[in-house]
C-alpha atoms as a PDB file:
ATOM      1  CA  UNK A   1     -98.321 -65.809  47.515  1.00  0.00           C
ATOM      2  CA  UNK A   2    -101.597 -64.563  46.047  1.00  0.00           C
ATOM      3  CA  UNK A   3    -100.177 -61.189  45.046  1.00  0.00           C
ATOM      4  CA  UNK A   4     -97.236 -58.907  45.790  1.00  0.00           C
ATOM      5  CA  UNK A   5     -98.577 -56.298  48.236  1.00  0.00           C
ATOM      6  CA  UNK A   6     -97.507 -56.509  51.879  1.00  0.00           C
ATOM      7  CA  UNK A   7    -100.077 -56.346  54.694  1.00  0.00           C
ATOM      8  CA  UNK A   8    -103.091 -55.590  52.497  1.00  0.00           C
ATOM      9  CA  UNK A   9    -106.411 -54.491  53.963  1.00  0.00           C
ATOM     10  CA  UNK A  10    -109.107 -56.466  52.144  1.00  0.00           C
ATOM     11  CA  UNK A  11    -112.857 -55.870  51.764  1.00  0.00           C
ATOM     12  CA  UNK A  12    -115.191 -58.562  50.417  1.00  0.00           C
ATOM     13  CA  UNK A  13    -118.895 -57.875  49.912  1.00  0.00           C
ATOM     14  CA  UNK A  14    -121.665 -60.435  49.524  1.00  0.00           C
ATOM     15  CA  UNK A  15    -119.685 -63.154  51.294  1.00  0.00           C
ATOM     16  CA  UNK A  16    -122.659 -65.528  51.626  1.00  0.00           C
ATOM     17  CA  UNK A  17    -122.821 -65.936  47.828  1.00  0.00           C
ATOM     18  CA  UNK A  18    -120.590 -68.463  46.048  1.00  0.00           C
ATOM     19  CA  UNK A  19    -118.100 -65.984  44.591  1.00  0.00           C
ATOM     20  CA  UNK A  20    -117.902 -63.910  47.773  1.00  0.00           C
ATOM     21  CA  UNK A  21    -117.343 -67.009  49.916  1.00  0.00           C
ATOM     22  CA  UNK A  22    -114.694 -68.326  47.518  1.00  0.00           C
ATOM     23  CA  UNK A  23    -112.741 -65.078  47.538  1.00  0.00           C
ATOM     24  CA  UNK A  24    -113.058 -64.942  51.326  1.00  0.00           C
ATOM     25  CA  UNK A  25    -111.277 -68.298  51.514  1.00  0.00           C
ATOM     26  CA  UNK A  26    -108.669 -67.285  48.936  1.00  0.00           C
ATOM     27  CA  UNK A  27    -107.812 -63.899  50.438  1.00  0.00           C
ATOM     28  CA  UNK A  28    -108.354 -64.327  54.178  1.00  0.00           C
ATOM     29  CA  UNK A  29    -104.853 -65.657  54.830  1.00  0.00           C
ATOM     30  CA  UNK A  30    -103.325 -62.810  52.801  1.00  0.00           C
ATOM     31  CA  UNK A  31    -105.195 -59.971  54.544  1.00  0.00           C
ATOM     32  CA  UNK A  32    -102.532 -59.282  57.176  1.00  0.00           C
ATOM     33  CA  UNK A  33    -103.546 -55.637  57.344  1.00  0.00           C
ATOM     34  CA  UNK A  34    -107.154 -56.555  58.058  1.00  0.00           C
ATOM     35  CA  UNK A  35    -110.152 -58.377  56.609  1.00  0.00           C
ATOM     36  CA  UNK A  36    -113.600 -56.759  56.292  1.00  0.00           C
ATOM     37  CA  UNK A  37    -116.508 -59.052  55.363  1.00  0.00           C
ATOM     38  CA  UNK A  38    -119.945 -57.700  54.474  1.00  0.00           C
ATOM     39  CA  UNK A  39    -123.307 -59.220  53.629  1.00  0.00           C
ATOM     40  CA  UNK A  40    -126.980 -58.293  53.976  1.00  0.00           C
ATOM     41  CA  UNK A  41    -127.643 -61.563  55.840  1.00  0.00           C
ATOM     42  CA  UNK A  42    -126.246 -61.268  59.368  1.00  0.00           C
ATOM     43  CA  UNK A  43    -126.465 -65.004  60.116  1.00  0.00           C
ATOM     44  CA  UNK A  44    -124.836 -66.014  56.840  1.00  0.00           C
ATOM     45  CA  UNK A  45    -122.102 -63.433  57.418  1.00  0.00           C
ATOM     46  CA  UNK A  46    -121.370 -64.878  60.866  1.00  0.00           C
ATOM     47  CA  UNK A  47    -121.307 -68.408  59.401  1.00  0.00           C
ATOM     48  CA  UNK A  48    -118.667 -67.431  56.820  1.00  0.00           C
ATOM     49  CA  UNK A  49    -116.548 -65.744  59.482  1.00  0.00           C
ATOM     50  CA  UNK A  50    -116.842 -68.828  61.714  1.00  0.00           C
ATOM     51  CA  UNK A  51    -115.834 -71.121  58.843  1.00  0.00           C
ATOM     52  CA  UNK A  52    -112.729 -69.049  58.117  1.00  0.00           C
ATOM     53  CA  UNK A  53    -111.816 -69.075  61.800  1.00  0.00           C
ATOM     54  CA  UNK A  54    -112.238 -72.856  61.962  1.00  0.00           C
ATOM     55  CA  UNK A  55    -109.827 -73.156  59.040  1.00  0.00           C
ATOM     56  CA  UNK A  56    -107.298 -71.009  60.890  1.00  0.00           C
ATOM     57  CA  UNK A  57    -107.279 -68.662  57.906  1.00  0.00           C
ATOM     58  CA  UNK A  58    -108.326 -65.382  59.484  1.00  0.00           C
ATOM     59  CA  UNK A  59    -105.887 -62.537  60.150  1.00  0.00           C
ATOM     60  CA  UNK A  60    -105.561 -60.826  63.519  1.00  0.00           C
ATOM     61  CA  UNK A  61    -107.939 -58.013  62.543  1.00  0.00           C
ATOM     62  CA  UNK A  62    -111.351 -59.083  61.203  1.00  0.00           C
ATOM     63  CA  UNK A  63    -114.570 -57.064  60.956  1.00  0.00           C
ATOM     64  CA  UNK A  64    -118.035 -58.183  59.864  1.00  0.00           C
ATOM     65  CA  UNK A  65    -120.513 -55.566  58.643  1.00  0.00           C
ATOM     66  CA  UNK A  66    -124.120 -56.614  58.043  1.00  0.00           C
ATOM     67  CA  UNK A  67    -125.763 -54.252  55.554  1.00  0.00           C
ATOM     68  CA  UNK A  68    -127.330 -54.094  52.105  1.00  0.00           C
ATOM     69  CA  UNK A  69    -124.705 -52.967  49.582  1.00  0.00           C
ATOM     70  CA  UNK A  70    -127.455 -51.162  47.638  1.00  0.00           C
ATOM     71  CA  UNK A  71    -128.081 -48.888  50.653  1.00  0.00           C
ATOM     72  CA  UNK A  72    -126.248 -45.594  50.180  1.00  0.00           C
ATOM     73  CA  UNK A  73    -126.573 -44.489  53.814  1.00  0.00           C
ATOM     74  CA  UNK A  74    -125.163 -47.759  55.128  1.00  0.00           C
ATOM     75  CA  UNK A  75    -122.230 -47.485  52.735  1.00  0.00           C
ATOM     76  CA  UNK A  76    -121.499 -44.091  54.247  1.00  0.00           C
ATOM     77  CA  UNK A  77    -121.390 -45.689  57.696  1.00  0.00           C
ATOM     78  CA  UNK A  78    -119.193 -48.519  56.423  1.00  0.00           C
ATOM     79  CA  UNK A  79    -116.756 -46.057  54.851  1.00  0.00           C
ATOM     80  CA  UNK A  80    -116.459 -44.129  58.111  1.00  0.00           C
ATOM     81  CA  UNK A  81    -115.848 -47.364  60.037  1.00  0.00           C
ATOM     82  CA  UNK A  82    -113.176 -48.644  57.648  1.00  0.00           C
ATOM     83  CA  UNK A  83    -111.436 -45.278  57.558  1.00  0.00           C
ATOM     84  CA  UNK A  84    -111.378 -44.972  61.351  1.00  0.00           C
ATOM     85  CA  UNK A  85    -110.439 -48.582  62.118  1.00  0.00           C
ATOM     86  CA  UNK A  86    -108.115 -49.455  59.226  1.00  0.00           C
ATOM     87  CA  UNK A  87    -107.105 -46.147  57.661  1.00  0.00           C
ATOM     88  CA  UNK A  88    -106.946 -47.525  54.129  1.00  0.00           C
ATOM     89  CA  UNK A  89    -108.140 -50.202  51.726  1.00  0.00           C
ATOM     90  CA  UNK A  90    -105.924 -52.149  49.319  1.00  0.00           C
ATOM     91  CA  UNK A  91    -108.076 -54.846  47.694  1.00  0.00           C
ATOM     92  CA  UNK A  92    -111.821 -55.216  47.315  1.00  0.00           C
ATOM     93  CA  UNK A  93    -114.084 -57.911  45.877  1.00  0.00           C
ATOM     94  CA  UNK A  94    -117.634 -56.754  45.095  1.00  0.00           C
ATOM     95  CA  UNK A  95    -119.962 -59.702  44.516  1.00  0.00           C
ATOM     96  CA  UNK A  96    -123.194 -59.041  42.604  1.00  0.00           C
ATOM     97  CA  UNK A  97    -124.438 -62.636  42.601  1.00  0.00           C
ATOM     98  CA  UNK A  98    -127.459 -62.020  44.811  1.00  0.00           C
ATOM     99  CA  UNK A  99    -128.643 -58.924  42.950  1.00  0.00           C
ATOM    100  CA  UNK A 100    -131.372 -59.233  40.283  1.00  0.00           C
ATOM    101  CA  UNK A 101    -130.379 -58.596  36.651  1.00  0.00           C
ATOM    102  CA  UNK A 102    -130.739 -55.065  35.261  1.00  0.00           C
ATOM    103  CA  UNK A 103    -133.530 -53.963  32.984  1.00  0.00           C
ATOM    104  CA  UNK A 104    -132.692 -52.615  29.532  1.00  0.00           C
ATOM    105  CA  UNK A 105    -130.823 -49.321  29.823  1.00  0.00           C
ATOM    106  CA  UNK A 106    -128.966 -46.764  27.763  1.00  0.00           C
ATOM    107  CA  UNK A 107    -126.592 -46.035  30.657  1.00  0.00           C
ATOM    108  CA  UNK A 108    -123.259 -44.767  29.360  1.00  0.00           C
ATOM    109  CA  UNK A 109    -122.173 -42.406  32.127  1.00  0.00           C
ATOM    110  CA  UNK A 110    -120.385 -43.441  35.320  1.00  0.00           C
ATOM    111  CA  UNK A 111    -122.563 -42.421  38.236  1.00  0.00           C
ATOM    112  CA  UNK A 112    -126.107 -43.226  37.034  1.00  0.00           C
ATOM    113  CA  UNK A 113    -127.345 -46.496  38.594  1.00  0.00           C
ATOM    114  CA  UNK A 114    -130.413 -48.055  36.965  1.00  0.00           C
ATOM    115  CA  UNK A 115    -131.317 -51.313  38.775  1.00  0.00           C
ATOM    116  CA  UNK A 116    -130.655 -53.076  42.107  1.00  0.00           C
ATOM    117  CA  UNK A 117    -127.597 -54.828  40.676  1.00  0.00           C
ATOM    118  CA  UNK A 118    -126.204 -51.673  39.121  1.00  0.00           C
ATOM    119  CA  UNK A 119    -127.046 -49.685  42.258  1.00  0.00           C
ATOM    120  CA  UNK A 120    -124.982 -52.203  44.228  1.00  0.00           C
ATOM    121  CA  UNK A 121    -122.069 -52.019  41.803  1.00  0.00           C
ATOM    122  CA  UNK A 122    -122.158 -48.226  41.625  1.00  0.00           C
ATOM    123  CA  UNK A 123    -122.427 -47.551  45.368  1.00  0.00           C
ATOM    124  CA  UNK A 124    -119.826 -50.201  46.210  1.00  0.00           C
ATOM    125  CA  UNK A 125    -117.343 -48.921  43.635  1.00  0.00           C
ATOM    126  CA  UNK A 126    -117.831 -45.317  44.729  1.00  0.00           C
ATOM    127  CA  UNK A 127    -117.153 -46.175  48.380  1.00  0.00           C
ATOM    128  CA  UNK A 128    -114.195 -48.418  47.611  1.00  0.00           C
ATOM    129  CA  UNK A 129    -112.610 -45.866  45.276  1.00  0.00           C
ATOM    130  CA  UNK A 130    -112.833 -43.169  47.954  1.00  0.00           C
ATOM    131  CA  UNK A 131    -111.211 -45.471  50.513  1.00  0.00           C
ATOM    132  CA  UNK A 132    -108.390 -46.342  48.097  1.00  0.00           C
ATOM    133  CA  UNK A 133    -107.685 -42.798  46.925  1.00  0.00           C
ATOM    134  CA  UNK A 134    -105.382 -42.051  49.866  1.00  0.00           C
ATOM    135  CA  UNK A 135    -103.161 -45.074  49.170  1.00  0.00           C
ATOM    136  CA  UNK A 136     -99.842 -44.106  47.641  1.00  0.00           C
ATOM    137  CA  UNK A 137     -99.932 -47.383  45.675  1.00  0.00           C
ATOM    138  CA  UNK A 138    -103.621 -47.241  44.829  1.00  0.00           C
ATOM    139  CA  UNK A 139    -105.582 -50.484  44.964  1.00  0.00           C
ATOM    140  CA  UNK A 140    -107.315 -53.239  43.028  1.00  0.00           C
ATOM    141  CA  UNK A 141    -111.011 -54.064  42.775  1.00  0.00           C
ATOM    142  CA  UNK A 142    -112.658 -57.219  41.420  1.00  0.00           C
ATOM    143  CA  UNK A 143    -116.365 -57.085  40.576  1.00  0.00           C
ATOM    144  CA  UNK A 144    -117.812 -60.612  40.375  1.00  0.00           C
ATOM    145  CA  UNK A 145    -121.052 -61.195  38.498  1.00  0.00           C
ATOM    146  CA  UNK A 146    -123.166 -64.063  37.144  1.00  0.00           C
ATOM    147  CA  UNK A 147    -123.663 -64.325  33.400  1.00  0.00           C
ATOM    148  CA  UNK A 148    -127.298 -63.238  33.818  1.00  0.00           C
ATOM    149  CA  UNK A 149    -126.035 -59.678  34.231  1.00  0.00           C
ATOM    150  CA  UNK A 150    -124.390 -59.822  30.793  1.00  0.00           C
ATOM    151  CA  UNK A 151    -127.041 -60.828  28.305  1.00  0.00           C
ATOM    152  CA  UNK A 152    -125.433 -58.988  25.416  1.00  0.00           C
ATOM    153  CA  UNK A 153    -122.209 -57.356  24.307  1.00  0.00           C
ATOM    154  CA  UNK A 154    -123.489 -53.871  25.147  1.00  0.00           C
ATOM    155  CA  UNK A 155    -124.775 -54.373  28.695  1.00  0.00           C
ATOM    156  CA  UNK A 156    -124.701 -51.883  31.542  1.00  0.00           C
ATOM    157  CA  UNK A 157    -122.275 -53.522  33.952  1.00  0.00           C
ATOM    158  CA  UNK A 158    -119.176 -53.654  31.706  1.00  0.00           C
ATOM    159  CA  UNK A 159    -119.730 -50.029  30.691  1.00  0.00           C
ATOM    160  CA  UNK A 160    -120.105 -48.995  34.319  1.00  0.00           C
ATOM    161  CA  UNK A 161    -116.902 -50.802  35.312  1.00  0.00           C
ATOM    162  CA  UNK A 162    -114.996 -49.392  32.321  1.00  0.00           C
ATOM    163  CA  UNK A 163    -116.164 -45.862  33.140  1.00  0.00           C
ATOM    164  CA  UNK A 164    -115.271 -46.269  36.824  1.00  0.00           C
ATOM    165  CA  UNK A 165    -111.854 -47.677  35.925  1.00  0.00           C
ATOM    166  CA  UNK A 166    -111.082 -44.629  33.788  1.00  0.00           C
ATOM    167  CA  UNK A 167    -112.035 -42.307  36.623  1.00  0.00           C
ATOM    168  CA  UNK A 168    -109.987 -44.352  39.108  1.00  0.00           C
ATOM    169  CA  UNK A 169    -106.887 -44.623  36.927  1.00  0.00           C
ATOM    170  CA  UNK A 170    -105.381 -41.319  38.088  1.00  0.00           C
ATOM    171  CA  UNK A 171    -105.377 -42.754  41.639  1.00  0.00           C
ATOM    172  CA  UNK A 172    -103.735 -45.980  40.435  1.00  0.00           C
ATOM    173  CA  UNK A 173    -106.872 -47.998  41.219  1.00  0.00           C
ATOM    174  CA  UNK A 174    -107.548 -50.927  38.881  1.00  0.00           C
ATOM    175  CA  UNK A 175    -111.082 -52.302  38.461  1.00  0.00           C
ATOM    176  CA  UNK A 176    -111.959 -55.486  36.563  1.00  0.00           C
ATOM    177  CA  UNK A 177    -114.961 -57.792  36.263  1.00  0.00           C
ATOM    178  CA  UNK A 178    -115.122 -61.586  36.577  1.00  0.00           C
ATOM    179  CA  UNK A 179    -118.149 -63.343  35.087  1.00  0.00           C
ATOM    180  CA  UNK A 180    -118.984 -66.846  36.334  1.00  0.00           C
ATOM    181  CA  UNK A 181    -121.415 -69.524  35.130  1.00  0.00           C
ATOM    182  CA  UNK A 182    -120.796 -68.063  31.717  1.00  0.00           C
ATOM    183  CA  UNK A 183    -122.285 -70.739  29.402  1.00  0.00           C
ATOM    184  CA  UNK A 184    -122.679 -68.921  26.063  1.00  0.00           C
ATOM    185  CA  UNK A 185    -121.864 -65.423  27.309  1.00  0.00           C
ATOM    186  CA  UNK A 186    -119.829 -63.566  24.696  1.00  0.00           C
ATOM    187  CA  UNK A 187    -118.581 -66.721  22.870  1.00  0.00           C
ATOM    188  CA  UNK A 188    -116.727 -64.482  20.401  1.00  0.00           C
ATOM    189  CA  UNK A 189    -114.361 -63.222  23.124  1.00  0.00           C
ATOM    190  CA  UNK A 190    -110.741 -64.396  22.637  1.00  0.00           C
ATOM    191  CA  UNK A 191    -109.209 -66.881  25.062  1.00  0.00           C
ATOM    192  CA  UNK A 192    -106.597 -65.735  27.539  1.00  0.00           C
ATOM    193  CA  UNK A 193    -104.317 -68.714  26.828  1.00  0.00           C
ATOM    194  CA  UNK A 194    -104.334 -67.872  23.119  1.00  0.00           C
ATOM    195  CA  UNK A 195    -103.237 -64.309  23.930  1.00  0.00           C
ATOM    196  CA  UNK A 196    -100.437 -65.687  26.122  1.00  0.00           C
ATOM    197  CA  UNK A 197     -99.220 -67.759  23.185  1.00  0.00           C
ATOM    198  CA  UNK A 198     -99.584 -64.813  20.818  1.00  0.00           C
ATOM    199  CA  UNK A 199     -97.729 -62.387  23.064  1.00  0.00           C
ATOM    200  CA  UNK A 200     -95.180 -64.832  24.440  1.00  0.00           C
ATOM    201  CA  UNK A 201     -95.942 -64.230  28.123  1.00  0.00           C
ATOM    202  CA  UNK A 202     -98.742 -63.621  30.599  1.00  0.00           C
ATOM    203  CA  UNK A 203     -97.719 -59.975  30.955  1.00  0.00           C
ATOM    204  CA  UNK A 204     -97.835 -59.537  27.170  1.00  0.00           C
ATOM    205  CA  UNK A 205    -101.341 -61.042  27.152  1.00  0.00           C
ATOM    206  CA  UNK A 206    -102.449 -58.502  29.758  1.00  0.00           C
ATOM    207  CA  UNK A 207    -101.039 -55.705  27.616  1.00  0.00           C
ATOM    208  CA  UNK A 208    -102.974 -57.040  24.607  1.00  0.00           C
ATOM    209  CA  UNK A 209    -106.210 -57.072  26.603  1.00  0.00           C
ATOM    210  CA  UNK A 210    -105.575 -53.538  27.837  1.00  0.00           C
ATOM    211  CA  UNK A 211    -105.172 -52.349  24.230  1.00  0.00           C
ATOM    212  CA  UNK A 212    -108.520 -53.824  23.110  1.00  0.00           C
ATOM    213  CA  UNK A 213    -111.337 -51.430  22.262  1.00  0.00           C
ATOM    214  CA  UNK A 214    -113.708 -53.722  24.203  1.00  0.00           C
ATOM    215  CA  UNK A 215    -111.465 -55.584  26.677  1.00  0.00           C
ATOM    216  CA  UNK A 216    -113.202 -58.936  27.239  1.00  0.00           C
ATOM    217  CA  UNK A 217    -111.576 -62.372  27.222  1.00  0.00           C
ATOM    218  CA  UNK A 218    -112.422 -65.921  28.262  1.00  0.00           C
ATOM    219  CA  UNK A 219    -110.341 -67.535  30.993  1.00  0.00           C
ATOM    220  CA  UNK A 220    -110.201 -71.337  31.212  1.00  0.00           C
ATOM    221  CA  UNK A 221    -110.315 -72.620  34.795  1.00  0.00           C
ATOM    222  CA  UNK A 222    -109.746 -76.158  36.051  1.00  0.00           C
ATOM    223  CA  UNK A 223    -111.350 -75.355  39.385  1.00  0.00           C
ATOM    224  CA  UNK A 224    -108.870 -73.065  41.133  1.00  0.00           C
ATOM    225  CA  UNK A 225    -109.280 -69.354  40.432  1.00  0.00           C
ATOM    226  CA  UNK A 226    -106.401 -68.368  42.728  1.00  0.00           C
ATOM    227  CA  UNK A 227    -104.033 -67.692  39.768  1.00  0.00           C
ATOM    228  CA  UNK A 228    -106.641 -65.409  38.224  1.00  0.00           C
ATOM    229  CA  UNK A 229    -107.070 -63.539  41.516  1.00  0.00           C
ATOM    230  CA  UNK A 230    -103.302 -63.101  41.640  1.00  0.00           C
ATOM    231  CA  UNK A 231    -103.301 -61.566  38.151  1.00  0.00           C
ATOM    232  CA  UNK A 232    -106.049 -59.093  38.961  1.00  0.00           C
ATOM    233  CA  UNK A 233    -104.682 -58.046  42.359  1.00  0.00           C
ATOM    234  CA  UNK A 234    -100.974 -57.881  41.552  1.00  0.00           C
ATOM    235  CA  UNK A 235     -99.459 -54.407  41.434  1.00  0.00           C
ATOM    236  CA  UNK A 236     -97.495 -55.608  38.399  1.00  0.00           C
ATOM    237  CA  UNK A 237    -100.677 -56.106  36.364  1.00  0.00           C
ATOM    238  CA  UNK A 238    -101.662 -53.252  34.010  1.00  0.00           C
ATOM    239  CA  UNK A 239    -105.167 -54.620  33.494  1.00  0.00           C
ATOM    240  CA  UNK A 240    -108.131 -52.375  34.288  1.00  0.00           C
ATOM    241  CA  UNK A 241    -111.641 -51.988  32.902  1.00  0.00           C
ATOM    242  CA  UNK A 242    -111.626 -55.538  31.546  1.00  0.00           C
ATOM    243  CA  UNK A 243    -114.196 -58.334  31.723  1.00  0.00           C
ATOM    244  CA  UNK A 244    -112.873 -61.881  32.179  1.00  0.00           C
ATOM    245  CA  UNK A 245    -115.349 -64.678  31.504  1.00  0.00           C
ATOM    246  CA  UNK A 246    -114.428 -67.779  33.512  1.00  0.00           C
ATOM    247  CA  UNK A 247    -115.024 -71.069  31.693  1.00  0.00           C
ATOM    248  CA  UNK A 248    -114.620 -74.610  32.896  1.00  0.00           C
ATOM    249  CA  UNK A 249    -114.730 -76.283  36.278  1.00  0.00           C
ATOM    250  CA  UNK A 250    -114.343 -73.287  38.527  1.00  0.00           C
ATOM    251  CA  UNK A 251    -115.144 -73.866  42.176  1.00  0.00           C
ATOM    252  CA  UNK A 252    -118.120 -71.510  42.322  1.00  0.00           C
END
């Protein structure tokens, strides 16, 4: 089982990109409460939905929404649709792979987008957080991003996610970032496996990350990121506001 919530309603944005498509495959069979797929490319969106159906991995309720995640008005329409048709949202994956990298910025406040990529992250997080606020158990959000969006240790995206996670914490909504194609991104970040050995368990490692002033770790992957998805989506995980940099042969 990917995580411990029953009948989750799942939203995945940017499903035509590698990360979005991968999470669609991972989570589609777990989205018994409903699966919502979005992408700006209508044809690519339909192709992903058709592939999932051919695999027999789609739940009974599936919706495809073709819109640009950097469009505030279209997000308003998407929110209204999800609220009326599903009534809640449990998990969300926001993929920023197709967005251009941000320009230099001094952004430190949640709520001030500064580039197409940050606009997408900001508007998506705002909509998802509103949809999750009514859940008694809150929800979990994964923001996926290429390493090009993190060219230094003090970049906009991690600060935006950390700020959003603090705002969302009182509604029990956890928000974390996964960075793929990392190469030399933040090589000084500790390794997750080392923290597991230090703490004695995976849960202890998560607690250590949560206590970091700048919560960023490297996560070694042999090609299957399903265990990492389970960590980030599980209601038992305390992790929020963290950046996990995926190394190795991940399938993206």
